[in-house]
Amino acid sequence: FLVLLLFAPMFIFSDVSFGGLPQAIGHGLMAFTMTQAWFPMHAEVWNAPTWFLSALTFAMAVLPFALPRLAEQSKPQLRRSAFFLFLAGLLPKLGYCYDNHAWGLLEGAMSPKAMHNLAIFNVQRFNPFYALIEVLLGAVACRLVMLDGTEGEKAPKASAVATALPVVGMIAVILARAFGVVQISDLLTRAVIFIPLFLLFLMAAHRASVQPKVTDPLVKLLSSKLLVTLGGLAFPIFVVHGPLGQLFYKKIVANYLWGGPLNVVCGPWFFYAYLGIVLVSAWVLQKTFITNKSVGALSKSILGKLSAPLES
């Protein structure tokens, strides 16, 4: 919300220049109400990366109703739930690929005009319902590791191999697709390969991290002070890098402010300055707003009032 307020003049200027005041008002309402993910052709209005926060807001609203049901399930029931959630997320993607002959498209590297059906692709990519499925898969994975060693089932042994193999698999898939060795749609890669491997990695990393003595080298690396610090900045980086990128690189804004995009005005080296500005801005946002106790208390109070009707 704070970032939207700070950069609102820039967003409004850009929108009014391209589509007029009504478009700017519409996009502003979507952004401030965090509903943009429901509009497949406008999900990336204003601060583009925050479409995911829009989708995640819906998922978080549903979780209080879903988590109690998952908490009642045994491990076999959880595995069954994971299968049906996986299937619910996969079938629409299979439908998209089948109808549009998109089995091998590298959509992330294609221009919008080259897409077979951009609106349908964006529904698969942005719609909050599919984000909910992925969040619920994560909740199932969390519950599975919570039940380790219960119900008479032997707890899986933590091992460095169990942690490393999913990571190796994810990297291998990325490289294989980048070099054209494997041609699979972005949507199928995410649903069939990447998310299952990532969940396996998280489960293995959790099991390795709760041991009396942590010996897993990958877990120890991820627990290093540098990576923990960067991890703490991940969210503010996610929020600010888009608006700052527009400020320095978006033609209509940069031409007005700097006489052109700064990679042209200053040269390619400015990208490193941009990275530094993003890091510093994220740190300031983290210290002055995100971890501010007064802001946290206000946010908690507002959320309590908004959620009160649902609890009654």
C-alpha atoms as a PDB file:
ATOM      1  CA  PHE A   1       0.000   0.000   0.000  1.00  0.00           C
ATOM      2  CA  LEU A   2       2.800   2.421   0.944  1.00  0.00           C
ATOM      3  CA  VAL A   3       4.680   1.710  -2.296  1.00  0.00           C
ATOM      4  CA  LEU A   4       1.514   2.273  -4.323  1.00  0.00           C
ATOM      5  CA  LEU A   5       1.006   5.628  -2.618  1.00  0.00           C
ATOM      6  CA  LEU A   6       4.606   6.724  -3.128  1.00  0.00           C
ATOM      7  CA  PHE A   7       4.658   5.805  -6.819  1.00  0.00           C
ATOM      8  CA  ALA A   8       1.008   6.631  -7.604  1.00  0.00           C
ATOM      9  CA  PRO A   9       1.892   9.862  -9.492  1.00  0.00           C
ATOM     10  CA  MET A  10       4.168   7.877 -11.817  1.00  0.00           C
ATOM     11  CA  PHE A  11       1.584   5.132 -12.368  1.00  0.00           C
ATOM     12  CA  ILE A  12      -1.195   7.666 -13.000  1.00  0.00           C
ATOM     13  CA  PHE A  13       0.986   9.693 -15.397  1.00  0.00           C
ATOM     14  CA  SER A  14       1.770   6.589 -17.422  1.00  0.00           C
ATOM     15  CA  ASP A  15      -1.836   5.376 -17.494  1.00  0.00           C
ATOM     16  CA  VAL A  16      -3.287   8.775 -18.410  1.00  0.00           C
ATOM     17  CA  SER A  17      -0.707   9.157 -21.193  1.00  0.00           C
ATOM     18  CA  PHE A  18      -1.593   5.824 -22.773  1.00  0.00           C
ATOM     19  CA  GLY A  19      -5.287   5.317 -22.001  1.00  0.00           C
ATOM     20  CA  GLY A  20      -6.745   8.404 -20.379  1.00  0.00           C
ATOM     21  CA  LEU A  21      -8.059   9.181 -16.911  1.00  0.00           C
ATOM     22  CA  PRO A  22     -10.815   6.491 -16.818  1.00  0.00           C
ATOM     23  CA  GLN A  23      -8.205   3.791 -17.408  1.00  0.00           C
ATOM     24  CA  ALA A  24      -5.976   5.231 -14.682  1.00  0.00           C
ATOM     25  CA  ILE A  25      -8.891   5.228 -12.223  1.00  0.00           C
ATOM     26  CA  GLY A  26      -9.808   1.644 -13.109  1.00  0.00           C
ATOM     27  CA  HIS A  27      -6.253   0.396 -12.769  1.00  0.00           C
ATOM     28  CA  GLY A  28      -5.848   2.305  -9.508  1.00  0.00           C
ATOM     29  CA  LEU A  29      -8.954   0.659  -8.043  1.00  0.00           C
ATOM     30  CA  MET A  30      -7.671  -2.777  -9.054  1.00  0.00           C
ATOM     31  CA  ALA A  31      -4.255  -2.115  -7.530  1.00  0.00           C
ATOM     32  CA  PHE A  32      -5.447  -0.597  -4.236  1.00  0.00           C
ATOM     33  CA  THR A  33      -8.144  -3.252  -3.693  1.00  0.00           C
ATOM     34  CA  MET A  34      -5.712  -6.000  -4.741  1.00  0.00           C
ATOM     35  CA  THR A  35      -8.189  -7.482  -7.199  1.00  0.00           C
ATOM     36  CA  GLN A  36      -6.071  -7.174 -10.350  1.00  0.00           C
ATOM     37  CA  ALA A  37      -5.316 -10.907 -10.542  1.00  0.00           C
ATOM     38  CA  TRP A  38      -8.985 -11.537 -11.365  1.00  0.00           C
ATOM     39  CA  PHE A  39      -8.580  -9.561 -14.620  1.00  0.00           C
ATOM     40  CA  PRO A  40      -6.387 -11.703 -16.896  1.00  0.00           C
ATOM     41  CA  MET A  41      -5.495  -8.932 -19.340  1.00  0.00           C
ATOM     42  CA  HIS A  42      -4.851  -6.347 -16.614  1.00  0.00           C
ATOM     43  CA  ALA A  43      -3.292  -8.381 -13.797  1.00  0.00           C
ATOM     44  CA  GLU A  44       0.025  -6.534 -14.059  1.00  0.00           C
ATOM     45  CA  VAL A  45      -1.319  -2.981 -13.774  1.00  0.00           C
ATOM     46  CA  TRP A  46       0.782  -0.434 -11.913  1.00  0.00           C
ATOM     47  CA  ASN A  47       3.221  -2.490  -9.826  1.00  0.00           C
ATOM     48  CA  ALA A  48       3.286  -5.596 -12.031  1.00  0.00           C
ATOM     49  CA  PRO A  49       4.821  -8.186  -9.636  1.00  0.00           C
ATOM     50  CA  THR A  50       2.131  -7.561  -7.032  1.00  0.00           C
ATOM     51  CA  TRP A  51      -0.398  -9.520  -9.090  1.00  0.00           C
ATOM     52  CA  PHE A  52       0.797 -12.410  -6.952  1.00  0.00           C
ATOM     53  CA  LEU A  53      -0.146 -10.582  -3.749  1.00  0.00           C
ATOM     54  CA  SER A  54      -3.595 -10.092  -5.266  1.00  0.00           C
ATOM     55  CA  ALA A  55      -3.907 -13.827  -5.914  1.00  0.00           C
ATOM     56  CA  LEU A  56      -2.399 -14.678  -2.530  1.00  0.00           C
ATOM     57  CA  THR A  57      -4.942 -12.457  -0.745  1.00  0.00           C
ATOM     58  CA  PHE A  58      -7.730 -14.679  -2.041  1.00  0.00           C
ATOM     59  CA  ALA A  59      -5.829 -17.811  -1.011  1.00  0.00           C
ATOM     60  CA  MET A  60      -5.272 -16.465   2.507  1.00  0.00           C
ATOM     61  CA  ALA A  61      -8.992 -15.667   2.818  1.00  0.00           C
ATOM     62  CA  VAL A  62      -9.865 -19.273   1.980  1.00  0.00           C
ATOM     63  CA  LEU A  63      -7.247 -20.925   4.213  1.00  0.00           C
ATOM     64  CA  PRO A  64      -9.197 -20.543   7.510  1.00  0.00           C
ATOM     65  CA  PHE A  65     -11.909 -22.721   5.980  1.00  0.00           C
ATOM     66  CA  ALA A  66      -9.527 -25.258   4.411  1.00  0.00           C
ATOM     67  CA  LEU A  67      -6.882 -25.760   7.110  1.00  0.00           C
ATOM     68  CA  PRO A  68      -9.216 -27.321   9.720  1.00  0.00           C
ATOM     69  CA  ARG A  69     -10.210 -29.974   7.164  1.00  0.00           C
ATOM     70  CA  LEU A  70      -6.571 -30.733   6.356  1.00  0.00           C
ATOM     71  CA  ALA A  71      -5.710 -30.870  10.064  1.00  0.00           C
ATOM     72  CA  GLU A  72      -8.229 -33.715  10.519  1.00  0.00           C
ATOM     73  CA  GLN A  73      -6.601 -35.889   7.861  1.00  0.00           C
ATOM     74  CA  SER A  74      -4.143 -38.738   8.295  1.00  0.00           C
ATOM     75  CA  LYS A  75      -1.053 -39.077   6.126  1.00  0.00           C
ATOM     76  CA  PRO A  76      -2.777 -41.350   3.555  1.00  0.00           C
ATOM     77  CA  GLN A  77      -5.676 -38.894   3.371  1.00  0.00           C
ATOM     78  CA  LEU A  78      -3.283 -35.967   2.956  1.00  0.00           C
ATOM     79  CA  ARG A  79      -1.526 -37.741   0.095  1.00  0.00           C
ATOM     80  CA  ARG A  80      -4.913 -38.319  -1.527  1.00  0.00           C
ATOM     81  CA  SER A  81      -5.777 -34.632  -1.079  1.00  0.00           C
ATOM     82  CA  ALA A  82      -2.434 -33.667  -2.621  1.00  0.00           C
ATOM     83  CA  PHE A  83      -3.190 -35.867  -5.645  1.00  0.00           C
ATOM     84  CA  PHE A  84      -6.609 -34.314  -6.254  1.00  0.00           C
ATOM     85  CA  LEU A  85      -5.261 -30.784  -5.732  1.00  0.00           C
ATOM     86  CA  PHE A  86      -2.466 -31.569  -8.185  1.00  0.00           C
ATOM     87  CA  LEU A  87      -5.032 -32.879 -10.677  1.00  0.00           C
ATOM     88  CA  ALA A  88      -7.286 -29.821 -10.235  1.00  0.00           C
ATOM     89  CA  GLY A  89      -4.368 -27.551 -11.078  1.00  0.00           C
ATOM     90  CA  LEU A  90      -3.098 -29.686 -13.946  1.00  0.00           C
ATOM     91  CA  LEU A  91      -6.279 -30.312 -15.960  1.00  0.00           C
ATOM     92  CA  PRO A  92      -6.885 -26.664 -17.003  1.00  0.00           C
ATOM     93  CA  LYS A  93      -3.256 -26.428 -18.125  1.00  0.00           C
ATOM     94  CA  LEU A  94      -3.591 -29.597 -20.176  1.00  0.00           C
ATOM     95  CA  GLY A  95      -6.728 -28.102 -21.712  1.00  0.00           C
ATOM     96  CA  TYR A  96      -4.879 -24.895 -22.610  1.00  0.00           C
ATOM     97  CA  CYS A  97      -1.963 -26.787 -24.160  1.00  0.00           C
ATOM     98  CA  TYR A  98      -4.238 -29.174 -26.079  1.00  0.00           C
ATOM     99  CA  ASP A  99      -6.571 -26.516 -27.480  1.00  0.00           C
ATOM    100  CA  ASN A 100      -3.753 -24.138 -28.424  1.00  0.00           C
ATOM    101  CA  HIS A 101      -1.109 -26.704 -29.449  1.00  0.00           C
ATOM    102  CA  ALA A 102       1.130 -25.151 -26.824  1.00  0.00           C
ATOM    103  CA  TRP A 103       2.823 -28.292 -25.472  1.00  0.00           C
ATOM    104  CA  GLY A 104       6.331 -27.068 -26.220  1.00  0.00           C
ATOM    105  CA  LEU A 105       6.019 -23.284 -26.031  1.00  0.00           C
ATOM    106  CA  LEU A 106       8.504 -21.336 -23.937  1.00  0.00           C
ATOM    107  CA  GLU A 107       5.863 -18.728 -23.091  1.00  0.00           C
ATOM    108  CA  GLY A 108       8.090 -16.688 -20.797  1.00  0.00           C
ATOM    109  CA  ALA A 109      10.356 -15.822 -23.738  1.00  0.00           C
ATOM    110  CA  MET A 110       7.554 -15.057 -26.213  1.00  0.00           C
ATOM    111  CA  SER A 111       6.074 -11.671 -27.061  1.00  0.00           C
ATOM    112  CA  PRO A 112       2.353 -11.251 -26.271  1.00  0.00           C
ATOM    113  CA  LYS A 113       1.545 -11.034 -29.978  1.00  0.00           C
ATOM    114  CA  ALA A 114       3.107 -14.437 -30.567  1.00  0.00           C
ATOM    115  CA  MET A 115       0.913 -16.125 -27.959  1.00  0.00           C
ATOM    116  CA  HIS A 116      -1.778 -18.472 -29.289  1.00  0.00           C
ATOM    117  CA  ASN A 117      -4.363 -17.205 -26.796  1.00  0.00           C
ATOM    118  CA  LEU A 118      -2.982 -14.634 -24.396  1.00  0.00           C
ATOM    119  CA  ALA A 119      -6.159 -14.220 -22.328  1.00  0.00           C
ATOM    120  CA  ILE A 120      -6.474 -17.955 -21.604  1.00  0.00           C
ATOM    121  CA  PHE A 121      -2.760 -18.200 -20.841  1.00  0.00           C
ATOM    122  CA  ASN A 122      -3.069 -15.272 -18.419  1.00  0.00           C
ATOM    123  CA  VAL A 123      -5.999 -16.950 -16.663  1.00  0.00           C
ATOM    124  CA  GLN A 124      -3.777 -19.981 -16.025  1.00  0.00           C
ATOM    125  CA  ARG A 125      -0.958 -17.738 -14.877  1.00  0.00           C
ATOM    126  CA  PHE A 126      -2.729 -15.125 -12.746  1.00  0.00           C
ATOM    127  CA  ASN A 127      -6.110 -16.431 -11.574  1.00  0.00           C
ATOM    128  CA  PRO A 128      -6.309 -16.590  -7.756  1.00  0.00           C
ATOM    129  CA  PHE A 129      -8.006 -19.994  -7.879  1.00  0.00           C
ATOM    130  CA  TYR A 130      -4.817 -21.592  -9.209  1.00  0.00           C
ATOM    131  CA  ALA A 131      -2.741 -19.762  -6.598  1.00  0.00           C
ATOM    132  CA  LEU A 132      -5.069 -21.246  -3.966  1.00  0.00           C
ATOM    133  CA  ILE A 133      -4.382 -24.750  -5.285  1.00  0.00           C
ATOM    134  CA  GLU A 134      -0.627 -24.206  -4.990  1.00  0.00           C
ATOM    135  CA  VAL A 135      -0.966 -22.751  -1.482  1.00  0.00           C
ATOM    136  CA  LEU A 136      -3.084 -25.735  -0.416  1.00  0.00           C
ATOM    137  CA  LEU A 137      -0.468 -28.109  -1.829  1.00  0.00           C
ATOM    138  CA  GLY A 138       2.053 -26.294   0.372  1.00  0.00           C
ATOM    139  CA  ALA A 139      -0.253 -26.657   3.379  1.00  0.00           C
ATOM    140  CA  VAL A 140      -0.554 -30.392   2.720  1.00  0.00           C
ATOM    141  CA  ALA A 141       3.243 -30.677   2.538  1.00  0.00           C
ATOM    142  CA  CYS A 142       3.552 -28.829   5.867  1.00  0.00           C
ATOM    143  CA  ARG A 143       1.012 -31.113   7.498  1.00  0.00           C
ATOM    144  CA  LEU A 144       2.770 -34.215   6.171  1.00  0.00           C
ATOM    145  CA  VAL A 145       6.055 -33.294   7.861  1.00  0.00           C
ATOM    146  CA  MET A 146       4.177 -32.360  11.036  1.00  0.00           C
ATOM    147  CA  LEU A 147       2.862 -35.936  11.196  1.00  0.00           C
ATOM    148  CA  ASP A 148       6.281 -37.544  10.787  1.00  0.00           C
ATOM    149  CA  GLY A 149       6.628 -40.395  13.272  1.00  0.00           C
ATOM    150  CA  THR A 150       2.942 -40.444  14.244  1.00  0.00           C
ATOM    151  CA  GLU A 151       0.189 -42.967  13.563  1.00  0.00           C
ATOM    152  CA  GLY A 152       2.682 -45.819  13.807  1.00  0.00           C
ATOM    153  CA  GLU A 153       4.468 -44.688  10.640  1.00  0.00           C
ATOM    154  CA  LYS A 154       8.238 -44.508  10.757  1.00  0.00           C
ATOM    155  CA  ALA A 155       9.506 -40.954  10.272  1.00  0.00           C
ATOM    156  CA  PRO A 156      11.486 -40.481   7.040  1.00  0.00           C
ATOM    157  CA  LYS A 157      15.209 -40.141   7.630  1.00  0.00           C
ATOM    158  CA  ALA A 158      16.765 -36.777   6.901  1.00  0.00           C
ATOM    159  CA  SER A 159      19.589 -36.931   4.390  1.00  0.00           C
ATOM    160  CA  ALA A 160      21.643 -34.550   2.292  1.00  0.00           C
ATOM    161  CA  VAL A 161      20.659 -36.511  -0.823  1.00  0.00           C
ATOM    162  CA  ALA A 162      16.935 -35.999  -0.166  1.00  0.00           C
ATOM    163  CA  THR A 163      17.546 -32.239   0.103  1.00  0.00           C
ATOM    164  CA  ALA A 164      19.905 -31.900  -2.854  1.00  0.00           C
ATOM    165  CA  LEU A 165      18.146 -34.071  -5.451  1.00  0.00           C
ATOM    166  CA  PRO A 166      15.055 -31.834  -5.876  1.00  0.00           C
ATOM    167  CA  VAL A 167      17.325 -28.778  -6.227  1.00  0.00           C
ATOM    168  CA  VAL A 168      19.433 -30.544  -8.844  1.00  0.00           C
ATOM    169  CA  GLY A 169      16.219 -31.539 -10.632  1.00  0.00           C
ATOM    170  CA  MET A 170      14.880 -27.972 -10.695  1.00  0.00           C
ATOM    171  CA  ILE A 171      18.169 -26.568 -11.990  1.00  0.00           C
ATOM    172  CA  ALA A 172      18.418 -29.340 -14.600  1.00  0.00           C
ATOM    173  CA  VAL A 173      14.916 -28.588 -15.902  1.00  0.00           C
ATOM    174  CA  ILE A 174      15.659 -24.857 -16.163  1.00  0.00           C
ATOM    175  CA  LEU A 175      18.899 -25.492 -18.055  1.00  0.00           C
ATOM    176  CA  ALA A 176      17.389 -28.176 -20.286  1.00  0.00           C
ATOM    177  CA  ARG A 177      14.600 -25.823 -21.358  1.00  0.00           C
ATOM    178  CA  ALA A 178      16.945 -22.851 -21.761  1.00  0.00           C
ATOM    179  CA  PHE A 179      19.220 -24.831 -24.115  1.00  0.00           C
ATOM    180  CA  GLY A 180      16.334 -26.393 -26.036  1.00  0.00           C
ATOM    181  CA  VAL A 181      17.050 -29.931 -24.879  1.00  0.00           C
ATOM    182  CA  VAL A 182      13.516 -30.251 -23.497  1.00  0.00           C
ATOM    183  CA  GLN A 183      10.549 -28.372 -24.907  1.00  0.00           C
ATOM    184  CA  ILE A 184       7.676 -28.225 -22.439  1.00  0.00           C
ATOM    185  CA  SER A 185       5.178 -25.431 -21.885  1.00  0.00           C
ATOM    186  CA  ASP A 186       5.899 -23.072 -18.986  1.00  0.00           C
ATOM    187  CA  LEU A 187       2.570 -23.985 -17.427  1.00  0.00           C
ATOM    188  CA  LEU A 188       3.203 -27.730 -17.533  1.00  0.00           C
ATOM    189  CA  THR A 189       6.776 -27.325 -16.315  1.00  0.00           C
ATOM    190  CA  ARG A 190       5.564 -25.432 -13.268  1.00  0.00           C
ATOM    191  CA  ALA A 191       2.654 -27.731 -12.437  1.00  0.00           C
ATOM    192  CA  VAL A 192       4.175 -31.141 -13.216  1.00  0.00           C
ATOM    193  CA  ILE A 193       7.860 -30.674 -12.403  1.00  0.00           C
ATOM    194  CA  PHE A 194       8.824 -27.516 -10.569  1.00  0.00           C
ATOM    195  CA  ILE A 195       6.201 -27.315  -7.807  1.00  0.00           C
ATOM    196  CA  PRO A 196       6.401 -31.023  -6.833  1.00  0.00           C
ATOM    197  CA  LEU A 197      10.214 -30.826  -6.723  1.00  0.00           C
ATOM    198  CA  PHE A 198      10.118 -27.598  -4.728  1.00  0.00           C
ATOM    199  CA  LEU A 199       7.725 -29.098  -2.177  1.00  0.00           C
ATOM    200  CA  LEU A 200       9.935 -32.190  -1.855  1.00  0.00           C
ATOM    201  CA  PHE A 201      12.898 -29.885  -1.259  1.00  0.00           C
ATOM    202  CA  LEU A 202      11.064 -27.909   1.435  1.00  0.00           C
ATOM    203  CA  MET A 203       9.959 -31.081   3.210  1.00  0.00           C
ATOM    204  CA  ALA A 204      13.468 -32.537   3.129  1.00  0.00           C
ATOM    205  CA  ALA A 205      15.015 -29.242   4.271  1.00  0.00           C
ATOM    206  CA  HIS A 206      12.584 -29.068   7.195  1.00  0.00           C
ATOM    207  CA  ARG A 207      13.401 -32.614   8.268  1.00  0.00           C
ATOM    208  CA  ALA A 208      17.110 -31.848   8.069  1.00  0.00           C
ATOM    209  CA  SER A 209      16.797 -28.573   9.991  1.00  0.00           C
ATOM    210  CA  VAL A 210      14.957 -30.034  13.013  1.00  0.00           C
ATOM    211  CA  GLN A 211      17.658 -32.611  13.744  1.00  0.00           C
ATOM    212  CA  PRO A 212      19.526 -32.252  17.084  1.00  0.00           C
ATOM    213  CA  LYS A 213      22.612 -31.422  15.033  1.00  0.00           C
ATOM    214  CA  VAL A 214      22.216 -29.965  11.556  1.00  0.00           C
ATOM    215  CA  THR A 215      24.720 -31.609   9.208  1.00  0.00           C
ATOM    216  CA  ASP A 216      23.046 -31.122   5.823  1.00  0.00           C
ATOM    217  CA  PRO A 217      25.433 -28.843   3.849  1.00  0.00           C
ATOM    218  CA  LEU A 218      22.659 -27.244   1.784  1.00  0.00           C
ATOM    219  CA  VAL A 219      20.568 -26.448   4.860  1.00  0.00           C
ATOM    220  CA  LYS A 220      23.620 -25.011   6.602  1.00  0.00           C
ATOM    221  CA  LEU A 221      24.340 -22.857   3.548  1.00  0.00           C
ATOM    222  CA  LEU A 222      20.780 -21.569   3.452  1.00  0.00           C
ATOM    223  CA  SER A 223      21.046 -20.790   7.180  1.00  0.00           C
ATOM    224  CA  SER A 224      24.099 -18.573   6.682  1.00  0.00           C
ATOM    225  CA  LYS A 225      23.832 -15.015   7.934  1.00  0.00           C
ATOM    226  CA  LEU A 226      24.152 -13.498   4.448  1.00  0.00           C
ATOM    227  CA  LEU A 227      21.376 -15.591   2.906  1.00  0.00           C
ATOM    228  CA  VAL A 228      19.113 -15.145   5.940  1.00  0.00           C
ATOM    229  CA  THR A 229      19.594 -11.364   5.668  1.00  0.00           C
ATOM    230  CA  LEU A 230      18.841 -11.410   1.938  1.00  0.00           C
ATOM    231  CA  GLY A 231      15.844 -13.634   2.634  1.00  0.00           C
ATOM    232  CA  GLY A 232      14.553 -11.039   5.069  1.00  0.00           C
ATOM    233  CA  LEU A 233      14.777  -8.449   2.293  1.00  0.00           C
ATOM    234  CA  ALA A 234      13.142 -10.681  -0.324  1.00  0.00           C
ATOM    235  CA  PHE A 235       9.634  -9.318   0.185  1.00  0.00           C
ATOM    236  CA  PRO A 236      10.491  -5.591   0.097  1.00  0.00           C
ATOM    237  CA  ILE A 237      12.729  -6.270  -2.938  1.00  0.00           C
ATOM    238  CA  PHE A 238       9.763  -7.975  -4.590  1.00  0.00           C
ATOM    239  CA  VAL A 239       7.574  -4.936  -3.896  1.00  0.00           C
ATOM    240  CA  VAL A 240       9.946  -2.113  -4.885  1.00  0.00           C
ATOM    241  CA  HIS A 241      11.944  -3.459  -7.824  1.00  0.00           C
ATOM    242  CA  GLY A 242       9.059  -3.019 -10.287  1.00  0.00           C
ATOM    243  CA  PRO A 243       8.261   0.655  -9.583  1.00  0.00           C
ATOM    244  CA  LEU A 244      11.965   1.545  -9.490  1.00  0.00           C
ATOM    245  CA  GLY A 245      12.450  -0.253 -12.779  1.00  0.00           C
ATOM    246  CA  GLN A 246       9.664   1.815 -14.323  1.00  0.00           C
ATOM    247  CA  LEU A 247      11.149   5.001 -12.850  1.00  0.00           C
ATOM    248  CA  PHE A 248      14.509   4.400 -14.514  1.00  0.00           C
ATOM    249  CA  TYR A 249      13.697   2.335 -17.613  1.00  0.00           C
ATOM    250  CA  LYS A 250      10.082   2.804 -18.756  1.00  0.00           C
ATOM    251  CA  LYS A 251      10.317   5.060 -21.794  1.00  0.00           C
ATOM    252  CA  ILE A 252       7.372   7.379 -21.167  1.00  0.00           C
ATOM    253  CA  VAL A 253       8.487   7.997 -17.566  1.00  0.00           C
ATOM    254  CA  ALA A 254      12.240   8.013 -18.132  1.00  0.00           C
ATOM    255  CA  ASN A 255      11.967  10.335 -21.154  1.00  0.00           C
ATOM    256  CA  TYR A 256      10.058  12.840 -19.019  1.00  0.00           C
ATOM    257  CA  LEU A 257      12.363  12.637 -15.996  1.00  0.00           C
ATOM    258  CA  TRP A 258      15.816  11.830 -17.358  1.00  0.00           C
ATOM    259  CA  GLY A 259      15.656  12.428 -21.105  1.00  0.00           C
ATOM    260  CA  GLY A 260      15.527   8.701 -21.821  1.00  0.00           C
ATOM    261  CA  PRO A 261      15.894   5.285 -20.198  1.00  0.00           C
ATOM    262  CA  LEU A 262      18.968   5.370 -17.991  1.00  0.00           C
ATOM    263  CA  ASN A 263      20.571   2.367 -19.684  1.00  0.00           C
ATOM    264  CA  VAL A 264      20.700   4.628 -22.761  1.00  0.00           C
ATOM    265  CA  VAL A 265      21.484   7.915 -21.003  1.00  0.00           C
ATOM    266  CA  CYS A 266      24.110   6.500 -18.640  1.00  0.00           C
ATOM    267  CA  GLY A 267      25.064   3.223 -20.291  1.00  0.00           C
ATOM    268  CA  PRO A 268      24.675  -0.448 -19.332  1.00  0.00           C
ATOM    269  CA  TRP A 269      26.596   0.079 -16.077  1.00  0.00           C
ATOM    270  CA  PHE A 270      23.549   1.790 -14.598  1.00  0.00           C
ATOM    271  CA  PHE A 271      21.943  -1.624 -14.118  1.00  0.00           C
ATOM    272  CA  TYR A 272      24.317  -2.237 -11.202  1.00  0.00           C
ATOM    273  CA  ALA A 273      23.372   1.131  -9.721  1.00  0.00           C
ATOM    274  CA  TYR A 274      19.726   0.094 -10.102  1.00  0.00           C
ATOM    275  CA  LEU A 275      20.397  -3.137  -8.186  1.00  0.00           C
ATOM    276  CA  GLY A 276      22.037  -1.126  -5.401  1.00  0.00           C
ATOM    277  CA  ILE A 277      19.134   1.334  -5.242  1.00  0.00           C
ATOM    278  CA  VAL A 278      16.659  -1.572  -5.032  1.00  0.00           C
ATOM    279  CA  LEU A 279      18.611  -3.154  -2.150  1.00  0.00           C
ATOM    280  CA  VAL A 280      18.869   0.122  -0.210  1.00  0.00           C
ATOM    281  CA  SER A 281      15.196   0.948  -0.813  1.00  0.00           C
ATOM    282  CA  ALA A 282      14.169  -2.538   0.306  1.00  0.00           C
ATOM    283  CA  TRP A 283      16.234  -2.200   3.485  1.00  0.00           C
ATOM    284  CA  VAL A 284      14.666   1.184   4.296  1.00  0.00           C
ATOM    285  CA  LEU A 285      11.167  -0.195   3.644  1.00  0.00           C
ATOM    286  CA  GLN A 286      11.918  -3.213   5.843  1.00  0.00           C
ATOM    287  CA  LYS A 287      13.226  -1.167   8.772  1.00  0.00           C
ATOM    288  CA  THR A 288      10.802   1.747   8.684  1.00  0.00           C
ATOM    289  CA  PHE A 289       7.555   0.050   7.685  1.00  0.00           C
ATOM    290  CA  ILE A 290       7.397  -3.757   7.448  1.00  0.00           C
ATOM    291  CA  THR A 291       9.009  -4.479  10.843  1.00  0.00           C
ATOM    292  CA  ASN A 292       7.656  -1.326  12.502  1.00  0.00           C
ATOM    293  CA  LYS A 293       5.646  -2.359  15.586  1.00  0.00           C
ATOM    294  CA  SER A 294       3.184   0.527  15.298  1.00  0.00           C
ATOM    295  CA  VAL A 295       2.459  -0.360  11.671  1.00  0.00           C
ATOM    296  CA  GLY A 296       2.053  -4.014  12.665  1.00  0.00           C
ATOM    297  CA  ALA A 297      -0.406  -3.149  15.441  1.00  0.00           C
ATOM    298  CA  LEU A 298      -2.448  -0.918  13.109  1.00  0.00           C
ATOM    299  CA  SER A 299      -2.517  -3.593  10.429  1.00  0.00           C
ATOM    300  CA  LYS A 300      -3.608  -6.228  12.957  1.00  0.00           C
ATOM    301  CA  SER A 301      -6.401  -3.965  14.197  1.00  0.00           C
ATOM    302  CA  ILE A 302      -7.698  -3.284  10.679  1.00  0.00           C
ATOM    303  CA  LEU A 303      -7.573  -6.974   9.717  1.00  0.00           C
ATOM    304  CA  GLY A 304      -9.399  -7.896  12.929  1.00  0.00           C
ATOM    305  CA  LYS A 305     -12.233  -5.500  12.116  1.00  0.00           C
ATOM    306  CA  LEU A 306     -12.460  -6.696   8.524  1.00  0.00           C
ATOM    307  CA  SER A 307     -12.501 -10.375   9.481  1.00  0.00           C
ATOM    308  CA  ALA A 308     -14.966  -9.987  12.389  1.00  0.00           C
ATOM    309  CA  PRO A 309     -18.072 -10.536  10.193  1.00  0.00           C
ATOM    310  CA  LEU A 310     -16.607 -13.842   8.954  1.00  0.00           C
ATOM    311  CA  GLU A 311     -16.054 -15.087  12.499  1.00  0.00           C
ATOM    312  CA  SER A 312     -19.553 -14.325  13.758  1.00  0.00           C
END
